[in-house]
């Protein structure tokens, strides 16, 4: 098996987050030769869609390994609720902290972040129920 595993920011993508036609073409040629093309990134899955649509990754590891997306399976490796609560509790000790959490049900923050459009949540340090905490 041959594979190319690439990060996105400043590796596959330009500093403006664009993907060149040349790079997309080369990756498609590699896939045509039976070489798997995979991405590994700290980014959340929602920010991978446009690149996945252009390249057709065979697998994606996102959020620093919290999610692994394979053709027929998605594996999730979340932070325990207990650990998440302890982390959030410590962060909230800092005045005016802007807190945000990536979860299986979306992006939560303690105040609005217009460019990211989070779910504004005022219940911290308690965490939303029935979600997987990623980061």
N, C-alpha and C. Protein backbone atom coordinates (compact mmCIF):
# COMPACT_ATOMS: atom_id res chain seq x y z
N UNK A 1 0.83 -1.18 0.00
CA UNK A 1 0.00 0.00 0.00
C UNK A 1 0.88 1.24 0.00
N UNK A 2 0.54 2.21 -0.82
CA UNK A 2 1.22 3.49 -0.84
C UNK A 2 0.22 4.56 -0.45
N UNK A 3 0.70 5.54 0.30
CA UNK A 3 -0.20 6.60 0.76
C UNK A 3 0.55 7.91 0.89
N UNK A 4 -0.18 8.96 0.69
CA UNK A 4 0.29 10.32 0.98
C UNK A 4 -0.59 10.81 2.12
N UNK A 5 0.04 11.21 3.21
CA UNK A 5 -0.70 11.78 4.34
C UNK A 5 -0.18 13.19 4.51
N UNK A 6 -1.07 14.16 4.43
CA UNK A 6 -0.65 15.55 4.46
C UNK A 6 -1.43 16.37 5.48
N UNK A 7 -0.74 17.32 6.07
CA UNK A 7 -1.40 18.36 6.86
C UNK A 7 -1.98 19.35 5.85
N UNK A 8 -2.78 20.28 6.31
CA UNK A 8 -3.34 21.26 5.39
C UNK A 8 -2.61 22.60 5.47
N UNK A 9 -2.72 23.27 6.59
CA UNK A 9 -2.22 24.63 6.71
C UNK A 9 -0.70 24.69 6.57
N UNK A 10 -0.28 25.49 5.58
CA UNK A 10 1.14 25.70 5.26
C UNK A 10 1.85 24.43 4.78
N UNK A 11 1.09 23.43 4.43
CA UNK A 11 1.66 22.22 3.83
C UNK A 11 0.96 21.99 2.49
N UNK A 12 -0.27 21.59 2.52
CA UNK A 12 -1.05 21.38 1.30
C UNK A 12 -1.59 22.71 0.77
N UNK A 13 -1.92 23.61 1.68
CA UNK A 13 -2.55 24.88 1.32
C UNK A 13 -1.57 26.04 1.36
N UNK A 14 -1.88 27.05 0.56
CA UNK A 14 -1.12 28.30 0.62
C UNK A 14 -1.48 29.02 1.92
N UNK A 15 -0.76 30.08 2.25
CA UNK A 15 -1.04 30.81 3.49
C UNK A 15 -2.42 31.46 3.48
N UNK A 16 -3.01 31.67 2.30
CA UNK A 16 -4.37 32.21 2.23
C UNK A 16 -5.43 31.10 2.25
N UNK A 17 -5.00 29.87 2.55
CA UNK A 17 -5.86 28.69 2.67
C UNK A 17 -6.40 28.19 1.33
N UNK A 18 -5.80 28.64 0.24
CA UNK A 18 -6.23 28.16 -1.07
C UNK A 18 -5.43 26.92 -1.47
N UNK A 19 -6.04 26.13 -2.31
CA UNK A 19 -5.43 24.91 -2.84
C UNK A 19 -5.20 25.14 -4.33
N UNK A 20 -3.96 25.01 -4.77
CA UNK A 20 -3.66 25.28 -6.17
C UNK A 20 -4.24 24.18 -7.07
N UNK A 21 -4.55 24.57 -8.29
CA UNK A 21 -5.02 23.60 -9.29
C UNK A 21 -3.96 22.54 -9.52
N UNK A 22 -2.70 22.94 -9.53
CA UNK A 22 -1.61 22.00 -9.75
C UNK A 22 -1.58 20.93 -8.66
N UNK A 23 -1.68 21.35 -7.41
CA UNK A 23 -1.65 20.39 -6.29
C UNK A 23 -2.84 19.44 -6.37
N UNK A 24 -4.03 19.98 -6.65
CA UNK A 24 -5.21 19.13 -6.78
C UNK A 24 -5.02 18.12 -7.90
N UNK A 25 -4.47 18.55 -9.02
CA UNK A 25 -4.23 17.67 -10.17
C UNK A 25 -3.26 16.55 -9.81
N UNK A 26 -2.16 16.90 -9.16
CA UNK A 26 -1.17 15.88 -8.77
C UNK A 26 -1.79 14.85 -7.82
N UNK A 27 -2.59 15.30 -6.85
CA UNK A 27 -3.21 14.36 -5.92
C UNK A 27 -4.22 13.46 -6.63
N UNK A 28 -4.95 14.00 -7.59
CA UNK A 28 -5.88 13.17 -8.37
C UNK A 28 -5.11 12.13 -9.20
N UNK A 29 -3.97 12.52 -9.75
CA UNK A 29 -3.14 11.58 -10.51
C UNK A 29 -2.61 10.47 -9.60
N UNK A 30 -2.23 10.85 -8.39
CA UNK A 30 -1.76 9.84 -7.42
C UNK A 30 -2.88 8.85 -7.10
N UNK A 31 -4.07 9.36 -6.86
CA UNK A 31 -5.21 8.48 -6.56
C UNK A 31 -5.49 7.56 -7.74
N UNK A 32 -5.36 8.07 -8.95
CA UNK A 32 -5.60 7.27 -10.16
C UNK A 32 -4.58 6.13 -10.27
N UNK A 33 -3.41 6.32 -9.67
CA UNK A 33 -2.37 5.28 -9.67
C UNK A 33 -2.49 4.34 -8.47
N UNK A 34 -3.57 4.48 -7.69
CA UNK A 34 -3.78 3.60 -6.55
C UNK A 34 -3.13 4.05 -5.26
N UNK A 35 -2.64 5.26 -5.23
CA UNK A 35 -2.02 5.80 -4.01
C UNK A 35 -3.12 6.47 -3.19
N UNK A 36 -3.24 6.07 -1.94
CA UNK A 36 -4.23 6.69 -1.06
C UNK A 36 -3.79 8.10 -0.71
N UNK A 37 -4.75 9.00 -0.63
CA UNK A 37 -4.47 10.39 -0.24
C UNK A 37 -5.28 10.68 1.01
N UNK A 38 -4.56 11.01 2.07
CA UNK A 38 -5.19 11.23 3.38
C UNK A 38 -4.77 12.57 3.95
N UNK A 39 -5.62 13.11 4.82
CA UNK A 39 -5.32 14.38 5.49
C UNK A 39 -5.26 14.15 6.99
N UNK A 40 -4.34 14.84 7.64
CA UNK A 40 -4.23 14.84 9.10
C UNK A 40 -4.11 16.29 9.52
N UNK A 41 -5.04 16.76 10.37
CA UNK A 41 -5.10 18.18 10.68
C UNK A 41 -5.65 18.43 12.08
N UNK A 42 -5.37 19.58 12.60
CA UNK A 42 -5.98 20.03 13.86
C UNK A 42 -7.36 20.63 13.60
N UNK A 43 -7.67 20.89 12.35
CA UNK A 43 -8.94 21.52 11.98
C UNK A 43 -10.13 20.61 12.32
N UNK A 44 -11.30 21.25 12.52
CA UNK A 44 -12.52 20.45 12.67
C UNK A 44 -12.99 19.95 11.30
N UNK A 45 -13.83 18.94 11.31
CA UNK A 45 -14.31 18.36 10.06
C UNK A 45 -15.05 19.38 9.20
N UNK A 46 -15.78 20.31 9.81
CA UNK A 46 -16.56 21.27 9.03
C UNK A 46 -15.67 22.11 8.13
N UNK A 47 -14.43 22.33 8.53
CA UNK A 47 -13.53 23.14 7.70
C UNK A 47 -12.80 22.31 6.65
N UNK A 48 -13.08 21.02 6.62
CA UNK A 48 -12.44 20.12 5.65
C UNK A 48 -13.30 19.89 4.41
N UNK A 49 -14.58 20.21 4.48
CA UNK A 49 -15.52 19.85 3.41
C UNK A 49 -15.09 20.33 2.02
N UNK A 50 -14.74 21.60 1.91
CA UNK A 50 -14.39 22.15 0.60
C UNK A 50 -13.16 21.45 0.02
N UNK A 51 -12.18 21.15 0.85
CA UNK A 51 -10.97 20.48 0.37
C UNK A 51 -11.26 19.02 0.04
N UNK A 52 -12.08 18.40 0.86
CA UNK A 52 -12.47 17.00 0.60
C UNK A 52 -13.25 16.91 -0.71
N UNK A 53 -14.12 17.89 -0.96
CA UNK A 53 -14.87 17.90 -2.21
C UNK A 53 -13.94 17.99 -3.43
N UNK A 54 -12.86 18.74 -3.30
CA UNK A 54 -11.92 18.90 -4.43
C UNK A 54 -10.96 17.74 -4.58
N UNK A 55 -10.55 17.14 -3.48
CA UNK A 55 -9.51 16.10 -3.54
C UNK A 55 -10.09 14.70 -3.40
N UNK A 56 -11.10 14.54 -2.57
CA UNK A 56 -11.65 13.21 -2.33
C UNK A 56 -10.72 12.37 -1.47
N UNK A 57 -10.36 12.90 -0.30
CA UNK A 57 -9.45 12.17 0.59
C UNK A 57 -9.99 10.77 0.87
N UNK A 58 -9.08 9.81 0.95
CA UNK A 58 -9.46 8.44 1.30
C UNK A 58 -9.70 8.29 2.79
N UNK A 59 -9.10 9.16 3.57
CA UNK A 59 -9.29 9.17 5.02
C UNK A 59 -8.91 10.56 5.52
N UNK A 60 -9.56 10.97 6.62
CA UNK A 60 -9.24 12.25 7.24
C UNK A 60 -9.12 12.04 8.74
N UNK A 61 -8.01 12.50 9.29
CA UNK A 61 -7.87 12.57 10.74
C UNK A 61 -7.97 14.05 11.08
N UNK A 62 -8.97 14.40 11.89
CA UNK A 62 -9.23 15.80 12.19
C UNK A 62 -9.17 16.05 13.69
N UNK A 63 -9.12 17.30 14.04
CA UNK A 63 -9.10 17.75 15.43
C UNK A 63 -8.03 17.05 16.25
N UNK A 64 -6.83 17.04 15.68
CA UNK A 64 -5.67 16.43 16.36
C UNK A 64 -5.90 14.97 16.71
N UNK A 65 -6.65 14.26 15.90
CA UNK A 65 -6.88 12.84 16.13
C UNK A 65 -8.17 12.51 16.83
N UNK A 66 -8.97 13.50 17.20
CA UNK A 66 -10.23 13.23 17.89
C UNK A 66 -11.26 12.57 16.97
N UNK A 67 -11.14 12.80 15.66
CA UNK A 67 -12.03 12.18 14.68
C UNK A 67 -11.20 11.57 13.57
N UNK A 68 -11.50 10.33 13.24
CA UNK A 68 -10.89 9.68 12.09
C UNK A 68 -12.04 9.26 11.19
N UNK A 69 -12.05 9.82 9.98
CA UNK A 69 -13.11 9.53 9.03
C UNK A 69 -12.57 8.64 7.92
N UNK A 70 -13.11 7.44 7.84
CA UNK A 70 -12.75 6.47 6.81
C UNK A 70 -13.94 6.33 5.86
N UNK A 71 -13.77 5.69 4.72
CA UNK A 71 -14.89 5.60 3.77
C UNK A 71 -16.18 5.04 4.35
N UNK A 72 -16.11 4.06 5.23
CA UNK A 72 -17.32 3.41 5.75
C UNK A 72 -17.44 3.49 7.26
N UNK A 73 -16.65 4.36 7.88
CA UNK A 73 -16.66 4.38 9.34
C UNK A 73 -16.07 5.70 9.85
N UNK A 74 -16.64 6.21 10.91
CA UNK A 74 -16.09 7.38 11.60
C UNK A 74 -15.80 6.96 13.04
N UNK A 75 -14.57 7.20 13.47
CA UNK A 75 -14.18 6.89 14.84
C UNK A 75 -13.98 8.22 15.59
N UNK A 76 -14.50 8.27 16.81
CA UNK A 76 -14.40 9.48 17.62
C UNK A 76 -13.70 9.17 18.94
N UNK A 77 -12.76 10.02 19.29
CA UNK A 77 -11.99 9.85 20.51
C UNK A 77 -12.07 11.14 21.31
N UNK A 78 -13.11 11.24 22.12
CA UNK A 78 -13.37 12.47 22.85
C UNK A 78 -12.65 12.55 24.18
N UNK A 79 -12.74 13.73 24.76
CA UNK A 79 -12.21 14.00 26.09
C UNK A 79 -13.30 13.61 27.09
N UNK A 80 -12.93 12.98 28.17
CA UNK A 80 -13.94 12.59 29.17
C UNK A 80 -14.62 13.84 29.72
N UNK A 81 -15.88 13.70 30.11
CA UNK A 81 -16.62 14.85 30.67
C UNK A 81 -15.93 15.38 31.92
N UNK A 82 -15.41 14.46 32.72
CA UNK A 82 -14.73 14.88 33.95
C UNK A 82 -13.50 15.73 33.62
N UNK A 83 -12.68 15.27 32.68
CA UNK A 83 -11.49 16.05 32.29
C UNK A 83 -11.90 17.37 31.66
N UNK A 84 -12.91 17.33 30.79
CA UNK A 84 -13.38 18.55 30.14
C UNK A 84 -13.84 19.58 31.16
N UNK A 85 -14.59 19.13 32.14
CA UNK A 85 -15.09 20.05 33.17
C UNK A 85 -13.94 20.65 33.97
N UNK A 86 -12.95 19.82 34.32
CA UNK A 86 -11.79 20.34 35.07
C UNK A 86 -11.04 21.39 34.25
N UNK A 87 -10.85 21.12 32.97
CA UNK A 87 -10.15 22.06 32.10
C UNK A 87 -10.92 23.38 32.00
N UNK A 88 -12.22 23.29 31.75
CA UNK A 88 -13.06 24.48 31.61
C UNK A 88 -13.07 25.27 32.92
N UNK A 89 -13.17 24.57 34.03
CA UNK A 89 -13.18 25.23 35.34
C UNK A 89 -11.91 26.04 35.54
N UNK A 90 -10.76 25.48 35.18
CA UNK A 90 -9.48 26.20 35.33
C UNK A 90 -9.41 27.40 34.39
N UNK A 91 -9.90 27.24 33.18
CA UNK A 91 -9.87 28.35 32.22
C UNK A 91 -10.75 29.51 32.67
N UNK A 92 -11.87 29.19 33.28
CA UNK A 92 -12.79 30.23 33.71
C UNK A 92 -12.27 31.04 34.90
N UNK A 93 -11.18 30.61 35.51
CA UNK A 93 -10.55 31.38 36.59
C UNK A 93 -9.91 32.66 36.05
N UNK A 94 -9.68 32.71 34.75
CA UNK A 94 -9.06 33.89 34.13
C UNK A 94 -10.15 34.87 33.71
N UNK A 95 -10.06 36.10 34.18
CA UNK A 95 -11.11 37.08 33.84
C UNK A 95 -11.19 37.31 32.33
N UNK A 96 -12.38 37.46 31.85
CA UNK A 96 -12.64 37.79 30.44
C UNK A 96 -12.16 36.73 29.45
N UNK A 97 -12.00 35.50 29.90
CA UNK A 97 -11.55 34.45 28.98
C UNK A 97 -12.62 34.21 27.91
N UNK A 98 -12.17 34.05 26.68
CA UNK A 98 -13.06 33.63 25.60
C UNK A 98 -12.88 32.13 25.47
N UNK A 99 -13.92 31.40 25.83
CA UNK A 99 -13.85 29.94 25.89
C UNK A 99 -14.64 29.35 24.72
N UNK A 100 -14.04 28.41 24.03
CA UNK A 100 -14.75 27.72 22.96
C UNK A 100 -14.41 26.23 23.02
N UNK A 101 -15.40 25.42 22.66
CA UNK A 101 -15.26 23.97 22.73
C UNK A 101 -15.82 23.36 21.46
N UNK A 102 -15.03 22.50 20.83
CA UNK A 102 -15.49 21.74 19.67
C UNK A 102 -16.13 20.45 20.20
N UNK A 103 -17.35 20.16 19.73
CA UNK A 103 -18.07 18.98 20.19
C UNK A 103 -18.70 18.26 19.01
N UNK A 104 -19.26 17.11 19.30
CA UNK A 104 -19.97 16.33 18.28
C UNK A 104 -21.24 17.02 17.81
N UNK A 105 -21.73 17.98 18.58
CA UNK A 105 -22.97 18.69 18.21
C UNK A 105 -22.73 20.13 17.81
N UNK A 106 -21.49 20.47 17.57
CA UNK A 106 -21.18 21.82 17.11
C UNK A 106 -20.15 22.51 17.97
N UNK A 107 -19.99 23.76 17.69
CA UNK A 107 -18.97 24.61 18.29
C UNK A 107 -19.64 25.50 19.33
N UNK A 108 -19.26 25.36 20.59
CA UNK A 108 -19.83 26.13 21.69
C UNK A 108 -18.82 27.17 22.16
N UNK A 109 -19.33 28.33 22.58
CA UNK A 109 -18.46 29.36 23.15
C UNK A 109 -19.24 30.11 24.22
N UNK A 110 -18.50 30.76 25.12
CA UNK A 110 -19.17 31.51 26.18
C UNK A 110 -19.61 32.90 25.73
N UNK A 111 -19.25 33.30 24.53
CA UNK A 111 -19.79 34.52 23.91
C UNK A 111 -19.66 34.39 22.40
N UNK A 112 -20.31 35.28 21.71
CA UNK A 112 -20.34 35.18 20.25
C UNK A 112 -18.97 35.44 19.63
N UNK A 113 -18.68 34.68 18.60
CA UNK A 113 -17.48 34.87 17.78
C UNK A 113 -18.02 34.94 16.35
N UNK A 114 -18.34 36.15 15.86
CA UNK A 114 -19.08 36.27 14.60
C UNK A 114 -18.51 35.48 13.42
N UNK A 115 -17.21 35.46 13.26
CA UNK A 115 -16.65 34.75 12.11
C UNK A 115 -16.77 33.23 12.21
N UNK A 116 -17.01 32.71 13.41
CA UNK A 116 -17.13 31.25 13.59
C UNK A 116 -18.55 30.80 13.87
N UNK A 117 -19.42 31.70 14.26
CA UNK A 117 -20.83 31.41 14.53
C UNK A 117 -21.04 30.24 15.50
N UNK A 118 -20.53 30.38 16.72
CA UNK A 118 -20.71 29.29 17.69
C UNK A 118 -22.12 29.26 18.27
N UNK A 119 -22.40 28.18 18.97
CA UNK A 119 -23.59 28.13 19.82
C UNK A 119 -23.16 28.82 21.11
N UNK A 120 -23.77 29.96 21.43
CA UNK A 120 -23.39 30.68 22.65
C UNK A 120 -24.02 29.94 23.82
N UNK A 121 -23.16 29.54 24.75
CA UNK A 121 -23.56 28.69 25.87
C UNK A 121 -23.16 29.38 27.17
N UNK A 122 -24.13 29.59 28.06
CA UNK A 122 -23.82 30.29 29.31
C UNK A 122 -23.79 29.36 30.51
N UNK A 123 -23.72 28.06 30.28
CA UNK A 123 -23.75 27.10 31.38
C UNK A 123 -22.39 26.64 31.87
N UNK A 124 -21.29 27.15 31.29
CA UNK A 124 -19.96 26.71 31.72
C UNK A 124 -19.75 27.06 33.18
N UNK A 125 -19.10 26.26 34.02
CA UNK A 125 -18.26 25.13 33.65
C UNK A 125 -19.01 23.82 33.38
N UNK A 126 -20.32 23.80 33.63
CA UNK A 126 -21.06 22.60 33.25
C UNK A 126 -21.05 22.51 31.73
N UNK A 127 -21.08 21.30 31.23
CA UNK A 127 -21.00 21.09 29.79
C UNK A 127 -22.33 20.63 29.24
N UNK A 128 -22.61 20.94 27.98
CA UNK A 128 -23.85 20.46 27.38
C UNK A 128 -23.94 18.94 27.48
N UNK A 129 -25.15 18.45 27.65
CA UNK A 129 -25.37 17.00 27.81
C UNK A 129 -25.31 16.27 26.47
N UNK A 130 -25.02 14.98 26.54
CA UNK A 130 -25.10 14.08 25.39
C UNK A 130 -24.28 14.53 24.19
N UNK A 131 -23.06 14.99 24.45
CA UNK A 131 -22.17 15.36 23.37
C UNK A 131 -20.81 14.72 23.62
N UNK A 132 -20.02 14.63 22.58
CA UNK A 132 -18.63 14.19 22.70
C UNK A 132 -17.78 15.45 22.66
N UNK A 133 -16.90 15.61 23.61
CA UNK A 133 -15.99 16.76 23.64
C UNK A 133 -14.73 16.40 22.85
N UNK A 134 -14.43 17.21 21.85
CA UNK A 134 -13.24 16.96 21.04
C UNK A 134 -12.04 17.82 21.49
N UNK A 135 -12.27 19.14 21.53
CA UNK A 135 -11.18 20.03 21.97
C UNK A 135 -11.74 21.38 22.32
